[in-house]
Amino acid sequence: MFGSSAYAEETLKIGALGVMSGPFAGWGGVMCQTFKSRAGMWNDDGGVAIGDKTYKIEVVCVDDKGDPKGAQTGAEKLVSEGVKYIQGPNTDSTAESAKTVMEANGTVNMPYAFSKSLYKAPASQSILGMVASYQVGPVIYKWLMDNKGVKKIAFVSENNADPIKQRDEGSAGAKALGLEVVSDQETYESGTTDFFPILTKVIGTSPDHIVLSGVSPSDVGPLIKAARELGFTGTMSTETGQDPKAIYEVAGDASNGFIAAGGASTEAIRSDFMVKFIERYTKDWGEWNDVAGLYVYGPEIMIQTLQSAGPKAIEDTNVFKAALDGFVGKNPFLKDGGELKYVGRTDYGQPRQVSVPIVVQQVENGEYKPLFVGKLPD
């Protein structure tokens, strides 16, 4: 189902639109690299069979620079090149901006953004490619309550619409569980390098746990390091995908025990195929990035769905969307196998989310160790 030994007769062009420069480049840049590495594996195997033709996969990456206008023009560029399927963007504001282009042109995209308006009717073109913060946040908080005795929680975020929205959703989820939210209004500006003033205020409220809401890859290490240097001994977490090696390079042993969600490739659950993908990614880009273990689900389910829906879906995304409700594919990335399908009916009223596993993990010496693995509701 995953490919063909025949020589690729045609080219299927698929886009990756996201933030590939600046402080959030660890998201969009890795997303582009992931898609290219997976496409390389397909192409090396002869291409992807859809109907009676075999296609070489060509990935076109566009950097939206984390800017809504850049996301709109980037989406327009991909559409003008005939691209019907796009992975990304990576934030709520850029995904919302690109959404108008997707809806107007019948283009399917898989954002890594949590705004429910992207996935609820009348919207129909966007499919969430990961676990949303409001889905996993309460799961982490409940685990902390039961296993670490956490009673008081604080939230800190960049002064930016996306992380503030995640902060507010996380705070609401914590309150619903009965946690005491002692701080959820402290923010820092983009480009901040000295986190001591803001964390001094947050730690002064005596939280047992601090959530770094929507934290960018470039800020998570310095925030952890500053909190520990200020004497904070409680637990810390985020709901955004992060690379443990990058965190450890900045924060060192201070990062041990830091909890994150969003990755899907911890060693304990990896299949042999995921190991092969990690080897390919490392060969292509020099080192493994754990977030790639999440991003690879996007191209995988996209191609499998096209194969299931048939060749008409290549040009007509309505055919692709009609296949979502009953689609059941193979998850090649988990050691125990399992299904790859579309969920989201509970949160969005329609199947507009990829069934990635909820993997909650903690940093140990630059690597992730899984705490627990859960499943998204249908």
Protein backbone atom coordinates (compact mmCIF):
# COMPACT_ATOMS: atom_id res chain seq x y z
CA MET A 1 0.00 0.00 0.00
CA PHE A 2 2.87 2.35 0.73
CA GLY A 3 4.59 2.41 -2.63
CA SER A 4 5.49 0.57 -5.82
CA SER A 5 8.57 -1.02 -7.23
CA ALA A 6 7.67 0.37 -10.64
CA TYR A 7 9.47 3.42 -11.99
CA ALA A 8 7.60 6.62 -11.17
CA GLU A 9 5.68 7.74 -14.26
CA GLU A 10 4.31 11.02 -12.94
CA THR A 11 5.20 13.69 -10.38
CA LEU A 12 2.89 14.57 -7.49
CA LYS A 13 3.75 17.98 -6.11
CA ILE A 14 2.90 18.52 -2.41
CA GLY A 15 3.57 21.65 -0.35
CA ALA A 16 5.00 22.43 3.06
CA LEU A 17 4.08 25.91 4.31
CA GLY A 18 5.38 27.06 7.66
CA VAL A 19 7.78 29.14 9.72
CA MET A 20 11.26 28.14 8.56
CA SER A 21 13.26 31.11 9.85
CA GLY A 22 13.47 33.04 13.11
CA PRO A 23 12.80 31.73 16.66
CA PHE A 24 10.08 29.31 15.55
CA ALA A 25 12.15 27.77 12.73
CA GLY A 26 12.45 24.58 14.78
CA TRP A 27 8.83 23.89 13.80
CA GLY A 28 8.46 24.74 10.11
CA GLY A 29 12.02 23.94 9.15
CA VAL A 30 11.80 20.47 10.67
CA MET A 31 8.38 19.98 9.04
CA CYS A 32 9.88 20.69 5.59
CA GLN A 33 12.84 18.41 6.25
CA THR A 34 10.57 15.63 7.49
CA PHE A 35 8.41 15.69 4.37
CA LYS A 36 11.48 15.70 2.12
CA SER A 37 13.02 12.73 3.91
CA ARG A 38 9.80 10.71 3.78
CA ALA A 39 9.35 11.62 0.11
CA GLY A 40 12.91 10.49 -0.52
CA MET A 41 12.11 7.08 0.95
CA TRP A 42 9.03 6.73 -1.26
CA ASN A 43 10.95 7.82 -4.33
CA ASP A 44 13.84 5.47 -3.61
CA ASP A 45 11.30 2.63 -3.52
CA GLY A 46 10.07 3.59 -7.00
CA GLY A 47 7.39 6.10 -6.10
CA VAL A 48 3.82 5.93 -4.81
CA ALA A 49 1.12 3.96 -6.60
CA ILE A 50 -2.23 5.76 -6.88
CA GLY A 51 -4.63 3.98 -9.16
CA ASP A 52 -2.81 2.63 -12.21
CA LYS A 53 -0.03 5.24 -12.13
CA THR A 54 3.09 5.60 -10.01
CA TYR A 55 4.09 9.04 -8.78
CA LYS A 56 7.36 10.57 -7.69
CA ILE A 57 6.71 12.86 -4.72
CA GLU A 58 8.09 16.39 -5.05
CA VAL A 59 7.99 18.56 -1.92
CA VAL A 60 7.83 22.34 -2.33
CA CYS A 61 8.67 24.20 0.90
CA VAL A 62 7.64 27.82 1.47
CA ASP A 63 8.74 29.88 4.48
CA ASP A 64 5.90 32.02 5.83
CA LYS A 65 8.34 33.54 8.41
CA GLY A 66 5.67 33.14 11.07
CA ASP A 67 3.79 36.08 9.54
CA PRO A 68 0.07 35.88 8.59
CA LYS A 69 0.67 37.86 5.39
CA GLY A 70 3.54 35.54 4.54
CA ALA A 71 1.26 32.55 5.08
CA GLN A 72 -1.37 33.95 2.75
CA THR A 73 1.08 34.80 -0.03
CA GLY A 74 2.85 31.47 0.50
CA ALA A 75 -0.43 29.60 0.16
CA GLU A 76 -1.25 31.57 -2.97
CA LYS A 77 2.17 30.70 -4.42
CA LEU A 78 1.66 26.98 -3.83
CA VAL A 79 -1.85 27.08 -5.26
CA SER A 80 -0.60 28.90 -8.36
CA GLU A 81 1.84 26.01 -8.89
CA GLY A 82 -1.03 23.54 -8.87
CA VAL A 83 -0.44 22.18 -5.36
CA LYS A 84 -3.62 20.67 -3.87
CA TYR A 85 -2.19 19.25 -0.64
CA ILE A 86 -0.11 21.20 1.87
CA GLN A 87 1.43 20.40 5.25
CA GLY A 88 1.32 23.38 7.67
CA PRO A 89 1.26 26.20 8.72
CA ASN A 90 2.52 26.00 12.32
CA THR A 91 0.64 28.67 14.30
CA ASP A 92 -2.96 29.78 14.75
CA SER A 93 -2.48 33.20 13.16
CA THR A 94 -0.70 31.90 10.07
CA ALA A 95 -3.09 28.95 9.67
CA GLU A 96 -6.11 31.26 9.93
CA SER A 97 -4.60 33.53 7.27
CA ALA A 98 -3.85 30.63 4.94
CA LYS A 99 -7.32 29.18 5.55
CA THR A 100 -8.98 31.75 3.27
CA VAL A 101 -6.79 30.59 0.38
CA MET A 102 -7.39 26.92 1.16
CA GLU A 103 -11.16 27.29 1.31
CA ALA A 104 -11.36 29.46 -1.81
CA ASN A 105 -9.24 27.12 -3.94
CA GLY A 106 -10.30 23.72 -2.60
CA THR A 107 -6.83 23.00 -1.23
CA VAL A 108 -6.38 20.60 1.69
CA ASN A 109 -3.85 21.49 4.36
CA MET A 110 -2.67 19.98 7.64
CA PRO A 111 -1.85 22.78 10.11
CA TYR A 112 -0.14 22.42 13.47
CA ALA A 113 -2.40 25.04 14.99
CA PHE A 114 -5.13 24.64 17.56
CA SER A 115 -7.86 27.17 16.69
CA LYS A 116 -11.10 25.20 16.51
CA SER A 117 -12.45 27.47 13.77
CA LEU A 118 -9.95 25.87 11.39
CA TYR A 119 -11.58 22.45 11.75
CA LYS A 120 -15.24 23.05 12.60
CA ALA A 121 -17.91 23.52 9.91
CA PRO A 122 -18.34 25.52 7.76
CA ALA A 123 -14.54 25.16 7.43
CA SER A 124 -13.69 21.93 5.61
CA GLN A 125 -10.20 22.10 4.09
CA SER A 126 -7.94 21.98 7.17
CA ILE A 127 -6.96 18.85 9.14
CA LEU A 128 -5.14 19.14 12.47
CA GLY A 129 -1.87 17.20 12.25
CA MET A 130 -1.16 16.85 15.96
CA VAL A 131 -2.67 16.73 19.45
CA ALA A 132 -4.08 20.12 20.47
CA SER A 133 -2.86 21.80 23.67
CA TYR A 134 -6.40 21.87 25.07
CA GLN A 135 -6.62 18.11 24.54
CA VAL A 136 -3.32 17.14 26.16
CA GLY A 137 -2.93 19.90 28.77
CA PRO A 138 -5.56 18.56 31.19
CA VAL A 139 -4.17 15.03 30.69
CA ILE A 140 -0.74 16.22 31.88
CA TYR A 141 -2.18 18.26 34.76
CA LYS A 142 -4.24 15.31 36.00
CA TRP A 143 -1.18 13.06 35.89
CA LEU A 144 0.76 15.64 37.89
CA MET A 145 -2.02 15.85 40.46
CA ASP A 146 -2.15 12.08 40.87
CA ASN A 147 1.59 11.35 40.70
CA LYS A 148 3.38 14.50 41.89
CA GLY A 149 0.86 15.99 44.30
CA VAL A 150 0.54 19.21 42.28
CA LYS A 151 -2.09 21.57 43.69
CA LYS A 152 -0.99 25.02 42.52
CA ILE A 153 -0.14 25.81 38.89
CA ALA A 154 1.18 28.85 37.02
CA PHE A 155 1.28 29.75 33.33
CA VAL A 156 3.75 31.97 31.50
CA SER A 157 3.74 32.86 27.80
CA GLU A 158 5.15 35.12 25.14
CA ASN A 159 3.07 38.24 24.53
CA ASN A 160 1.75 36.87 21.26
CA ALA A 161 -1.77 35.84 20.25
CA ASP A 162 -1.07 32.12 19.77
CA PRO A 163 0.73 31.37 23.05
CA ILE A 164 -1.69 33.59 24.99
CA LYS A 165 -4.61 31.62 23.57
CA GLN A 166 -2.94 28.36 24.59
CA ARG A 167 -2.28 29.81 28.04
CA ASP A 168 -5.93 30.78 28.50
CA GLU A 169 -7.12 27.34 27.37
CA GLY A 170 -4.62 25.65 29.67
CA SER A 171 -5.63 27.80 32.62
CA ALA A 172 -9.30 27.00 32.04
CA GLY A 173 -8.51 23.29 31.84
CA ALA A 174 -6.51 23.43 35.07
CA LYS A 175 -9.31 25.21 36.91
CA ALA A 176 -11.80 22.61 35.67
CA LEU A 177 -9.66 19.93 37.32
CA GLY A 178 -9.73 21.78 40.63
CA LEU A 179 -6.16 23.12 40.50
CA GLU A 180 -5.43 26.53 41.99
CA VAL A 181 -4.12 28.80 39.24
CA VAL A 182 -1.79 31.17 41.09
CA SER A 183 -0.49 33.05 38.04
CA ASP A 184 -1.67 33.21 34.43
CA GLN A 185 -1.12 36.81 33.33
CA GLU A 186 2.66 37.16 33.13
CA THR A 187 4.05 37.49 29.59
CA TYR A 188 7.39 38.24 27.97
CA GLU A 189 8.13 39.96 24.68
CA SER A 190 9.42 38.19 21.58
CA GLY A 191 13.21 38.29 21.53
CA THR A 192 13.57 38.34 25.31
CA THR A 193 16.91 37.00 26.53
CA ASP A 194 16.63 37.81 30.25
CA PHE A 195 13.78 35.78 31.74
CA PHE A 196 14.71 36.42 35.37
CA PRO A 197 12.31 39.36 35.98
CA ILE A 198 9.19 37.58 34.73
CA LEU A 199 10.03 34.25 36.34
CA THR A 200 10.78 35.99 39.64
CA LYS A 201 7.16 37.20 39.62
CA VAL A 202 5.77 33.81 38.66
CA ILE A 203 7.84 31.86 41.20
CA GLY A 204 6.85 34.40 43.83
CA THR A 205 3.29 33.02 43.67
CA SER A 206 4.60 29.64 44.96
CA PRO A 207 3.38 27.30 42.20
CA ASP A 208 4.01 23.57 42.33
CA HIS A 209 4.11 23.48 38.54
CA ILE A 210 4.85 26.00 35.77
CA VAL A 211 3.48 25.64 32.23
CA LEU A 212 5.37 27.29 29.37
CA SER A 213 2.41 27.95 27.09
CA GLY A 214 3.06 27.84 23.35
CA VAL A 215 6.78 28.30 23.98
CA SER A 216 9.03 28.62 20.95
CA PRO A 217 11.95 26.18 20.54
CA SER A 218 14.45 29.01 21.06
CA ASP A 219 12.95 30.09 24.40
CA VAL A 220 12.24 26.83 26.20
CA GLY A 221 15.83 26.09 27.25
CA PRO A 222 16.57 29.60 28.60
CA LEU A 223 13.25 29.66 30.50
CA ILE A 224 13.95 26.33 32.20
CA LYS A 225 17.51 27.35 33.06
CA ALA A 226 16.39 30.68 34.52
CA ALA A 227 13.65 29.08 36.63
CA ARG A 228 16.09 26.58 38.14
CA GLU A 229 18.71 29.26 38.79
CA LEU A 230 16.04 31.21 40.67
CA GLY A 231 15.53 28.21 42.92
CA PHE A 232 12.31 26.76 41.51
CA THR A 233 12.20 23.06 42.37
CA GLY A 234 8.73 22.15 41.11
CA THR A 235 7.78 20.53 37.81
CA MET A 236 7.61 22.30 34.45
CA SER A 237 5.94 21.44 31.15
CA THR A 238 4.75 22.56 27.74
CA GLU A 239 2.16 21.23 25.29
CA THR A 240 4.13 22.17 22.17
CA GLY A 241 6.51 19.82 20.37
CA GLN A 242 10.16 20.29 21.36
CA ASP A 243 13.53 18.69 20.69
CA PRO A 244 15.05 17.35 23.94
CA LYS A 245 18.61 17.56 22.62
CA ALA A 246 18.23 21.27 21.86
CA ILE A 247 16.72 21.89 25.31
CA TYR A 248 19.54 20.02 27.05
CA GLU A 249 22.22 21.88 25.09
CA VAL A 250 20.98 25.14 26.62
CA ALA A 251 19.67 24.13 30.05
CA GLY A 252 21.82 21.09 30.79
CA ASP A 253 20.84 19.06 33.84
CA ALA A 254 18.29 21.76 34.74
CA SER A 255 16.13 20.38 31.93
CA ASN A 256 15.92 16.89 33.42
CA GLY A 257 12.33 16.12 34.30
CA PHE A 258 10.89 18.75 31.94
CA ILE A 259 7.60 17.41 30.55
CA ALA A 260 6.47 17.85 26.95
CA ALA A 261 3.82 16.48 24.63
CA GLY A 262 3.58 16.32 20.89
CA GLY A 263 6.38 13.97 19.91
CA ALA A 264 5.37 10.52 18.73
CA SER A 265 8.63 8.63 18.35
CA THR A 266 10.03 7.79 21.77
CA GLU A 267 12.27 4.74 21.65
CA ALA A 268 9.88 2.58 23.67
CA ILE A 269 7.16 2.71 21.02
CA ARG A 270 9.17 2.92 17.77
CA SER A 271 8.63 0.37 15.03
CA ASP A 272 11.47 -0.85 12.84
CA PHE A 273 10.12 1.41 10.12
CA MET A 274 10.32 4.47 12.39
CA VAL A 275 13.92 3.54 13.13
CA LYS A 276 14.60 3.47 9.38
CA PHE A 277 12.96 6.87 8.99
CA ILE A 278 15.09 8.28 11.82
CA GLU A 279 18.19 6.93 10.08
CA ARG A 280 17.10 8.55 6.80
CA TYR A 281 16.31 11.89 8.45
CA THR A 282 19.64 11.88 10.28
CA LYS A 283 21.49 11.07 7.06
CA ASP A 284 19.69 13.88 5.20
CA TRP A 285 19.96 16.61 7.83
CA GLY A 286 22.86 15.71 10.10
CA GLU A 287 21.00 14.91 13.33
CA TRP A 288 17.65 13.64 14.54
CA ASN A 289 15.00 16.06 15.80
CA ASP A 290 12.24 14.48 17.90
CA VAL A 291 9.58 16.77 16.43
CA ALA A 292 10.12 15.01 13.09
CA GLY A 293 8.56 11.92 14.68
CA LEU A 294 5.33 13.90 14.91
CA TYR A 295 5.51 15.66 11.55
CA VAL A 296 5.99 12.42 9.61
CA TYR A 297 2.39 11.44 10.38
CA GLY A 298 1.17 14.23 8.07
CA PRO A 299 2.71 13.07 4.77
CA GLU A 300 2.07 9.44 5.70
CA ILE A 301 -1.68 9.73 6.18
CA MET A 302 -1.96 12.19 3.28
CA ILE A 303 -0.44 9.71 0.83
CA GLN A 304 -2.27 6.70 2.24
CA THR A 305 -5.58 8.58 1.94
CA LEU A 306 -4.85 9.54 -1.67
CA GLN A 307 -4.13 5.88 -2.42
CA SER A 308 -7.39 4.87 -0.78
CA ALA A 309 -9.50 7.61 -2.39
CA GLY A 310 -8.09 6.97 -5.85
CA PRO A 311 -6.59 9.07 -8.65
CA LYS A 312 -9.53 11.49 -8.90
CA ALA A 313 -8.58 12.82 -5.45
CA ILE A 314 -5.27 14.12 -6.80
CA GLU A 315 -7.06 17.03 -8.49
CA ASP A 316 -10.40 17.02 -6.65
CA THR A 317 -10.02 17.40 -2.89
CA ASN A 318 -13.75 16.79 -2.44
CA VAL A 319 -13.03 13.15 -3.31
CA PHE A 320 -10.25 13.15 -0.71
CA LYS A 321 -12.52 14.66 1.96
CA ALA A 322 -15.30 12.19 1.21
CA ALA A 323 -12.86 9.40 2.09
CA LEU A 324 -11.94 10.78 5.52
CA ASP A 325 -14.89 9.46 7.47
CA GLY A 326 -14.30 5.79 6.71
CA PHE A 327 -10.56 5.81 6.10
CA VAL A 328 -8.52 3.28 8.09
CA GLY A 329 -4.86 2.94 7.20
CA LYS A 330 -1.82 1.30 8.73
CA ASN A 331 0.31 3.10 11.29
CA PRO A 332 3.87 2.11 10.31
CA PHE A 333 5.53 4.08 13.10
CA LEU A 334 4.40 2.24 16.25
CA LYS A 335 6.02 -0.94 17.47
CA ASP A 336 2.61 -2.46 18.18
CA GLY A 337 1.17 -1.29 14.85
CA GLY A 338 -2.35 0.01 14.92
CA GLU A 339 -4.62 2.10 12.77
CA LEU A 340 -4.01 5.43 11.12
CA LYS A 341 -7.26 7.33 10.76
CA TYR A 342 -9.03 10.65 11.11
CA VAL A 343 -10.60 11.67 14.41
CA GLY A 344 -11.84 14.97 15.79
CA ARG A 345 -15.58 14.41 15.80
CA THR A 346 -15.68 15.07 19.55
CA ASP A 347 -13.94 18.45 19.37
CA TYR A 348 -14.78 19.60 15.84
CA GLY A 349 -17.94 17.77 14.82
CA GLN A 350 -16.22 16.19 11.80
CA PRO A 351 -13.14 14.02 11.12
CA ARG A 352 -10.52 16.74 10.84
CA GLN A 353 -7.63 15.50 12.97
CA VAL A 354 -4.87 12.91 12.42
CA SER A 355 -4.89 10.10 14.98
CA VAL A 356 -1.38 10.67 16.32
CA PRO A 357 -0.76 9.07 19.71
CA ILE A 358 -0.75 11.29 22.81
CA VAL A 359 2.82 10.78 23.97
CA VAL A 360 3.69 12.57 27.21
CA GLN A 361 7.38 12.45 27.96
CA GLN A 362 10.12 14.00 30.06
CA VAL A 363 13.68 15.06 29.30
CA GLU A 364 16.50 12.94 30.70
CA ASN A 365 20.03 13.90 29.71
CA GLY A 366 19.00 15.20 26.30
CA GLU A 367 16.62 12.41 25.44
CA TYR A 368 12.90 11.82 25.94
CA LYS A 369 11.67 9.12 28.28
CA PRO A 370 7.94 8.40 27.95
CA LEU A 371 5.72 8.96 30.98
CA PHE A 372 2.58 7.57 29.38
CA VAL A 373 0.88 7.13 25.99
CA GLY A 374 -2.80 7.85 25.37
CA LYS A 375 -5.25 8.02 22.49
CA LEU A 376 -7.22 10.89 21.07
CA PRO A 377 -11.01 10.67 21.38
CA ASP A 378 -12.84 9.90 18.15
